[in-house]
Amino acid sequence: MVLITKGFDERPVPYRMRFHYSLDDTAVYLLTYAYTVLTGAACVGTTLAQQTLLTMLVWSLSERFRSLHDELQSIFIKTAINLAQGAQNAPNERHKLFQKKLLAVVEKQCSLIRFANRLRDLMDMLCFIVLSSNSMLLCVTSFQIATVNISTMLDPLSKYIVFRFRG
């Protein structure tokens, strides 16, 4: 194994790590450099995209419930105003109108709850994938830290922390 320290200034790579091959050949160096750049960008990009998707879905669902709450509150306020003003309609007609509006809100809520349940079923797997990929990324990063020559790169406190918690 070759530790990139002697030729690090001449042939830099995005991550300091051990490679099982020499980076003296230009083609190997370019492939290694491109691979490490793409891997880093993919890890950051996918994690950001997954977190954004989850956040937007939860925000959208909460806003839909808030809108439903506002609509229900509006129905009750309008009904109270109509009753206070002594509307011309017969009590039976007011009751039917209130019941019709309330039924529409309940149907929206049932639809929203079905959507939330389907979303939860979909997100269970996505959250598992996000957790797994982030755990794998953490393990790979920890492994890279553990394989670096600690005595030349870290101060004594960092050495203690790495050796104490690396397992």
Protein backbone atom coordinates (compact mmCIF):
# COMPACT_ATOMS: atom_id res chain seq x y z
CA MET A 1 0.00 0.00 0.00
CA VAL A 2 1.15 3.49 -0.77
CA LEU A 3 0.35 6.34 1.55
CA ILE A 4 0.01 9.58 -0.33
CA THR A 5 2.40 11.74 1.60
CA LYS A 6 5.62 11.78 -0.42
CA GLY A 7 3.96 12.77 -3.71
CA PHE A 8 0.99 14.54 -2.21
CA ASP A 9 2.10 17.99 -3.30
CA GLU A 10 2.86 16.92 -6.86
CA ARG A 11 -0.29 14.81 -7.35
CA PRO A 12 -3.01 15.97 -4.98
CA VAL A 13 -6.26 14.05 -4.58
CA PRO A 14 -9.41 15.32 -2.83
CA TYR A 15 -9.12 12.86 0.09
CA ARG A 16 -5.99 11.73 1.86
CA MET A 17 -6.19 7.97 2.03
CA ARG A 18 -4.25 4.85 1.27
CA PHE A 19 -4.45 3.38 -2.18
CA HIS A 20 -3.38 -0.16 -3.05
CA TYR A 21 -1.60 1.10 -6.14
CA SER A 22 0.85 3.78 -7.16
CA LEU A 23 -0.38 7.13 -8.43
CA ASP A 24 2.73 7.76 -10.53
CA ASP A 25 0.98 6.76 -13.77
CA THR A 26 -1.04 9.69 -15.17
CA ALA A 27 -4.01 7.57 -16.30
CA VAL A 28 -4.33 5.90 -12.90
CA TYR A 29 -4.01 9.26 -11.18
CA LEU A 30 -6.71 10.85 -13.36
CA LEU A 31 -9.11 7.94 -12.83
CA THR A 32 -8.50 7.99 -9.08
CA TYR A 33 -8.95 11.75 -8.92
CA ALA A 34 -12.17 11.66 -10.96
CA TYR A 35 -13.51 8.76 -8.90
CA THR A 36 -12.85 10.47 -5.57
CA VAL A 37 -14.36 13.76 -6.76
CA LEU A 38 -17.49 12.05 -8.12
CA THR A 39 -17.85 9.92 -5.00
CA GLY A 40 -17.65 12.96 -2.73
CA ALA A 41 -20.10 14.93 -4.87
CA ALA A 42 -22.49 11.98 -5.06
CA CYS A 43 -22.46 11.50 -1.28
CA VAL A 44 -23.12 15.16 -0.61
CA GLY A 45 -25.65 15.52 -3.43
CA THR A 46 -27.72 12.45 -2.64
CA THR A 47 -27.80 13.20 1.05
CA LEU A 48 -28.92 16.76 0.37
CA ALA A 49 -31.55 15.62 -2.15
CA GLN A 50 -32.94 12.98 0.22
CA GLN A 51 -33.16 15.40 3.12
CA THR A 52 -34.80 18.05 0.92
CA LEU A 53 -37.37 15.58 -0.41
CA LEU A 54 -38.33 14.42 3.07
CA THR A 55 -38.56 17.98 4.35
CA MET A 56 -40.72 19.16 1.46
CA LEU A 57 -43.11 16.21 1.78
CA VAL A 58 -43.57 16.69 5.51
CA TRP A 59 -43.99 20.45 5.08
CA SER A 60 -46.55 19.97 2.29
CA LEU A 61 -48.55 17.52 4.37
CA SER A 62 -48.56 19.79 7.42
CA GLU A 63 -49.67 22.75 5.28
CA ARG A 64 -52.51 20.70 3.84
CA PHE A 65 -53.67 19.80 7.35
CA ARG A 66 -53.40 23.47 8.38
CA SER A 67 -55.50 24.48 5.36
CA LEU A 68 -58.08 21.85 6.30
CA HIS A 69 -58.18 23.21 9.85
CA ASP A 70 -58.71 26.76 8.54
CA GLU A 71 -61.52 25.59 6.29
CA LEU A 72 -63.25 23.80 9.16
CA GLN A 73 -62.89 26.86 11.36
CA SER A 74 -64.36 29.02 8.59
CA ILE A 75 -67.42 26.77 8.37
CA PHE A 76 -68.07 27.08 12.10
CA ILE A 77 -67.60 30.86 12.05
CA LYS A 78 -69.95 31.32 9.08
CA THR A 79 -72.54 29.10 10.73
CA ALA A 80 -72.31 31.06 13.98
CA ILE A 81 -72.70 34.34 12.07
CA ASN A 82 -75.73 33.01 10.19
CA LEU A 83 -77.32 31.86 13.43
CA ALA A 84 -76.60 35.19 15.13
CA GLN A 85 -78.08 37.16 12.26
CA GLY A 86 -81.18 35.00 12.23
CA ALA A 87 -80.89 33.95 8.61
CA GLN A 88 -84.03 33.78 6.54
CA ASN A 89 -83.56 30.10 5.74
CA ALA A 90 -85.50 27.54 7.66
CA PRO A 91 -83.55 25.79 10.44
CA ASN A 92 -83.68 22.52 8.51
CA GLU A 93 -82.06 24.16 5.43
CA ARG A 94 -79.29 25.70 7.55
CA HIS A 95 -78.67 22.32 9.14
CA LYS A 96 -78.45 20.64 5.72
CA LEU A 97 -76.07 23.34 4.41
CA PHE A 98 -73.85 23.02 7.49
CA GLN A 99 -73.91 19.24 7.19
CA LYS A 100 -73.01 19.40 3.48
CA LYS A 101 -70.02 21.70 4.10
CA LEU A 102 -68.89 19.62 7.04
CA LEU A 103 -69.14 16.42 5.00
CA ALA A 104 -66.95 17.99 2.28
CA VAL A 105 -64.30 18.86 4.86
CA VAL A 106 -64.44 15.36 6.37
CA GLU A 107 -64.01 13.82 2.91
CA LYS A 108 -60.95 16.02 2.31
CA GLN A 109 -59.56 14.97 5.67
CA CYS A 110 -60.09 11.28 4.92
CA SER A 111 -58.37 11.74 1.56
CA LEU A 112 -55.51 13.56 3.26
CA ILE A 113 -55.13 10.83 5.88
CA ARG A 114 -55.04 8.15 3.14
CA PHE A 115 -52.35 10.19 1.38
CA ALA A 116 -50.38 10.51 4.63
CA ASN A 117 -50.56 6.75 5.19
CA ARG A 118 -49.37 6.03 1.64
CA LEU A 119 -46.62 8.61 2.08
CA ARG A 120 -45.55 6.99 5.34
CA ASP A 121 -45.40 3.58 3.66
CA LEU A 122 -43.27 5.04 0.88
CA MET A 123 -41.04 7.04 3.23
CA ASP A 124 -40.34 4.10 5.54
CA MET A 125 -38.15 2.52 2.86
CA LEU A 126 -36.64 5.85 1.80
CA CYS A 127 -35.77 6.75 5.40
CA PHE A 128 -34.19 3.32 5.82
CA ILE A 129 -32.11 3.88 2.67
CA VAL A 130 -31.06 7.36 3.84
CA LEU A 131 -30.09 6.03 7.27
CA SER A 132 -28.19 3.11 5.73
CA SER A 133 -26.30 5.27 3.24
CA ASN A 134 -25.39 7.84 5.89
CA SER A 135 -24.22 5.06 8.21
CA MET A 136 -22.12 3.57 5.41
CA LEU A 137 -20.64 6.99 4.67
CA LEU A 138 -19.79 7.43 8.35
CA CYS A 139 -18.15 3.99 8.46
CA VAL A 140 -16.09 4.69 5.32
CA THR A 141 -14.97 8.05 6.69
CA SER A 142 -14.07 6.49 10.04
CA PHE A 143 -12.13 3.75 8.28
CA GLN A 144 -10.19 6.35 6.30
CA ILE A 145 -9.34 8.22 9.50
CA ALA A 146 -8.23 4.98 11.16
CA THR A 147 -5.90 4.05 8.27
CA VAL A 148 -4.13 7.42 8.11
CA ASN A 149 -0.73 7.64 9.75
CA ILE A 150 -1.91 9.24 12.99
CA SER A 151 1.51 10.22 14.35
CA THR A 152 2.30 12.58 11.48
CA MET A 153 -1.11 14.19 10.98
CA LEU A 154 -2.81 14.67 14.33
CA ASP A 155 -1.95 16.34 17.59
CA PRO A 156 -1.98 14.30 20.85
CA LEU A 157 -5.56 15.19 21.82
CA SER A 158 -6.90 14.13 18.41
CA LYS A 159 -4.89 10.89 18.65
CA TYR A 160 -6.50 10.16 21.99
CA ILE A 161 -10.00 10.82 20.64
CA VAL A 162 -9.49 8.69 17.51
CA PHE A 163 -7.94 5.75 19.38
CA ARG A 164 -10.43 5.98 22.24
CA PHE A 165 -13.56 5.89 20.11
CA ARG A 166 -12.55 3.88 17.05
CA GLY A 167 -13.67 0.62 18.55
